[in-house]
C-alpha atoms as a PDB file:
ATOM      1  CA  MET A   1     -10.024   9.564  -7.933  1.00  0.00           C
ATOM      2  CA  ILE A   2     -12.525   7.352  -5.770  1.00  0.00           C
ATOM      3  CA  GLU A   3     -11.610   7.145  -2.113  1.00  0.00           C
ATOM      4  CA  ALA A   4     -14.755   4.988  -1.103  1.00  0.00           C
ATOM      5  CA  LYS A   5     -14.501   1.495   0.129  1.00  0.00           C
ATOM      6  CA  PHE A   6     -16.790  -1.277  -0.710  1.00  0.00           C
ATOM      7  CA  GLN A   7     -19.091  -1.744   2.370  1.00  0.00           C
ATOM      8  CA  GLY A   8     -20.793  -4.997   1.435  1.00  0.00           C
ATOM      9  CA  THR A   9     -19.853  -8.489   2.398  1.00  0.00           C
ATOM     10  CA  PRO A  10     -16.056  -8.916   2.046  1.00  0.00           C
ATOM     11  CA  GLY A  11     -13.944 -11.600   0.329  1.00  0.00           C
ATOM     12  CA  SER A  12     -14.082 -13.620  -2.721  1.00  0.00           C
ATOM     13  CA  TRP A  13     -17.699 -14.866  -3.267  1.00  0.00           C
ATOM     14  CA  THR A  14     -18.637 -18.360  -4.831  1.00  0.00           C
ATOM     15  CA  ALA A  15     -21.853 -19.441  -6.424  1.00  0.00           C
ATOM     16  CA  GLU A  16     -23.217 -23.044  -5.582  1.00  0.00           C
ATOM     17  CA  GLU A  17     -26.278 -24.749  -6.856  1.00  0.00           C
ATOM     18  CA  LEU A  18     -28.791 -25.592  -4.222  1.00  0.00           C
ATOM     19  CA  SER A  19     -30.678 -29.029  -4.349  1.00  0.00           C
ATOM     20  CA  THR A  20     -34.398 -28.693  -3.744  1.00  0.00           C
ATOM     21  CA  ALA A  21     -37.073 -31.237  -3.327  1.00  0.00           C
ATOM     22  CA  SER A  22     -39.369 -29.690  -5.896  1.00  0.00           C
ATOM     23  CA  GLY A  23     -38.886 -30.479  -9.378  1.00  0.00           C
ATOM     24  CA  SER A  24     -35.867 -29.529 -11.431  1.00  0.00           C
ATOM     25  CA  TYR A  25     -35.604 -25.972 -10.422  1.00  0.00           C
ATOM     26  CA  ARG A  26     -32.370 -25.567  -8.585  1.00  0.00           C
ATOM     27  CA  PRO A  27     -31.545 -21.978  -7.431  1.00  0.00           C
ATOM     28  CA  TYR A  28     -27.971 -20.747  -6.916  1.00  0.00           C
ATOM     29  CA  VAL A  29     -26.657 -19.240  -3.647  1.00  0.00           C
ATOM     30  CA  ILE A  30     -23.835 -16.792  -3.570  1.00  0.00           C
ATOM     31  CA  LEU A  31     -21.687 -17.628  -0.583  1.00  0.00           C
ATOM     32  CA  SER A  32     -19.040 -15.437   1.283  1.00  0.00           C
ATOM     33  CA  PRO A  33     -15.675 -17.096   2.148  1.00  0.00           C
ATOM     34  CA  GLU A  34     -17.250 -18.042   5.586  1.00  0.00           C
ATOM     35  CA  ALA A  35     -20.015 -19.874   3.611  1.00  0.00           C
ATOM     36  CA  ARG A  36     -22.559 -17.205   4.633  1.00  0.00           C
ATOM     37  CA  SER A  37     -25.294 -16.584   2.220  1.00  0.00           C
ATOM     38  CA  VAL A  38     -24.876 -13.319   0.309  1.00  0.00           C
ATOM     39  CA  CYS A  39     -27.903 -13.786  -2.106  1.00  0.00           C
ATOM     40  CA  LYS A  40     -29.885 -16.454  -3.887  1.00  0.00           C
ATOM     41  CA  THR A  41     -31.011 -16.500  -7.499  1.00  0.00           C
ATOM     42  CA  SER A  42     -34.703 -17.038  -8.241  1.00  0.00           C
ATOM     43  CA  TYR A  43     -35.954 -18.727 -11.399  1.00  0.00           C
ATOM     44  CA  LEU A  44     -37.441 -15.606 -12.978  1.00  0.00           C
ATOM     45  CA  SER A  45     -35.633 -16.038 -16.407  1.00  0.00           C
ATOM     46  CA  GLY A  46     -37.069 -19.463 -17.011  1.00  0.00           C
ATOM     47  CA  ASP A  47     -33.732 -20.368 -18.381  1.00  0.00           C
ATOM     48  CA  PRO A  48     -31.610 -22.572 -16.168  1.00  0.00           C
ATOM     49  CA  LYS A  49     -28.462 -21.746 -18.083  1.00  0.00           C
ATOM     50  CA  GLN A  50     -29.012 -17.978 -17.858  1.00  0.00           C
ATOM     51  CA  GLU A  51     -29.659 -18.429 -14.098  1.00  0.00           C
ATOM     52  CA  LYS A  52     -26.456 -20.159 -13.697  1.00  0.00           C
ATOM     53  CA  GLU A  53     -24.549 -17.489 -15.665  1.00  0.00           C
ATOM     54  CA  ASN A  54     -26.212 -14.742 -13.623  1.00  0.00           C
ATOM     55  CA  ALA A  55     -25.086 -16.404 -10.342  1.00  0.00           C
ATOM     56  CA  TYR A  56     -21.559 -16.682 -11.444  1.00  0.00           C
ATOM     57  CA  LEU A  57     -21.484 -13.017 -12.513  1.00  0.00           C
ATOM     58  CA  ILE A  58     -22.919 -11.923  -9.061  1.00  0.00           C
ATOM     59  CA  ALA A  59     -20.244 -14.223  -7.455  1.00  0.00           C
ATOM     60  CA  ALA A  60     -17.592 -12.401  -9.314  1.00  0.00           C
ATOM     61  CA  ALA A  61     -18.625  -8.836  -8.408  1.00  0.00           C
ATOM     62  CA  PRO A  62     -16.399  -8.338  -5.469  1.00  0.00           C
ATOM     63  CA  ASP A  63     -13.391  -9.363  -7.558  1.00  0.00           C
ATOM     64  CA  LEU A  64     -14.442  -7.411 -10.729  1.00  0.00           C
ATOM     65  CA  LEU A  65     -14.883  -4.243  -8.347  1.00  0.00           C
ATOM     66  CA  GLU A  66     -11.405  -4.692  -6.834  1.00  0.00           C
ATOM     67  CA  ALA A  67      -9.691  -5.330 -10.067  1.00  0.00           C
ATOM     68  CA  LEU A  68     -11.374  -2.229 -11.646  1.00  0.00           C
ATOM     69  CA  MET A  69     -10.629  -0.137  -8.730  1.00  0.00           C
ATOM     70  CA  SER A  70      -6.904  -1.196  -8.855  1.00  0.00           C
ATOM     71  CA  CYS A  71      -6.871  -0.369 -12.608  1.00  0.00           C
ATOM     72  CA  MET A  72      -8.257   3.000 -11.852  1.00  0.00           C
ATOM     73  CA  SER A  73      -5.815   3.854  -9.129  1.00  0.00           C
ATOM     74  CA  GLU A  74      -3.114   3.461 -11.719  1.00  0.00           C
ATOM     75  CA  ILE A  75      -4.634   6.388 -13.812  1.00  0.00           C
ATOM     76  CA  GLU A  76      -3.117   9.845 -13.358  1.00  0.00           C
ATOM     77  CA  ALA A  77      -4.946  11.921 -10.648  1.00  0.00           C
ATOM     78  CA  GLY A  78      -8.440  12.025 -11.751  1.00  0.00           C
ATOM     79  CA  VAL A  79      -7.897  12.795 -15.396  1.00  0.00           C
ATOM     80  CA  ILE A  80     -10.199  10.306 -17.231  1.00  0.00           C
ATOM     81  CA  THR A  81     -10.196  11.011 -21.020  1.00  0.00           C
ATOM     82  CA  SER A  82     -10.960   7.890 -22.803  1.00  0.00           C
ATOM     83  CA  PRO A  83     -14.611   6.523 -23.196  1.00  0.00           C
ATOM     84  CA  ALA A  84     -13.493   3.200 -21.764  1.00  0.00           C
ATOM     85  CA  LEU A  85     -12.139   4.937 -18.582  1.00  0.00           C
ATOM     86  CA  LYS A  86     -15.208   6.978 -18.317  1.00  0.00           C
ATOM     87  CA  LYS A  87     -17.277   3.653 -18.135  1.00  0.00           C
ATOM     88  CA  ALA A  88     -14.935   2.261 -15.592  1.00  0.00           C
ATOM     89  CA  ASP A  89     -15.409   5.186 -13.397  1.00  0.00           C
ATOM     90  CA  ALA A  90     -19.163   5.054 -13.800  1.00  0.00           C
ATOM     91  CA  ALA A  91     -19.116   1.300 -12.917  1.00  0.00           C
ATOM     92  CA  VAL A  92     -17.245   1.738  -9.755  1.00  0.00           C
ATOM     93  CA  ARG A  93     -19.422   4.701  -8.587  1.00  0.00           C
ATOM     94  CA  LYS A  94     -22.547   2.694  -9.419  1.00  0.00           C
ATOM     95  CA  ALA A  95     -21.216  -0.288  -7.267  1.00  0.00           C
ATOM     96  CA  LEU A  96     -20.367   2.017  -4.399  1.00  0.00           C
ATOM     97  CA  HIS A  97     -23.472   4.108  -4.606  1.00  0.00           C
ATOM     98  CA  ILE A  98     -21.552   7.355  -5.520  1.00  0.00           C
ATOM     99  CA  LYS A  99     -23.228   9.942  -7.686  1.00  0.00           C
END
């Protein structure tokens, strides 16, 4: 059972496209509930659709982690036997920086 808590920016994040003065490149900013910037995408992929999808996945991270941890807490005391549950455990540990 993982007892650690997420220490990053709390709350449900959102992704918003930023308008810029230069060309058609529009990065996304990931915002906290208080509208504070958590992170901003950069146009490294060269694909605006891919950048948008990445931004929305990043914005969903706290909600995904919370849901996954909630599911894991329903599992019997630390006995993880299926491959899917092992993946879930590994994902939570990665998100919380637990080895």
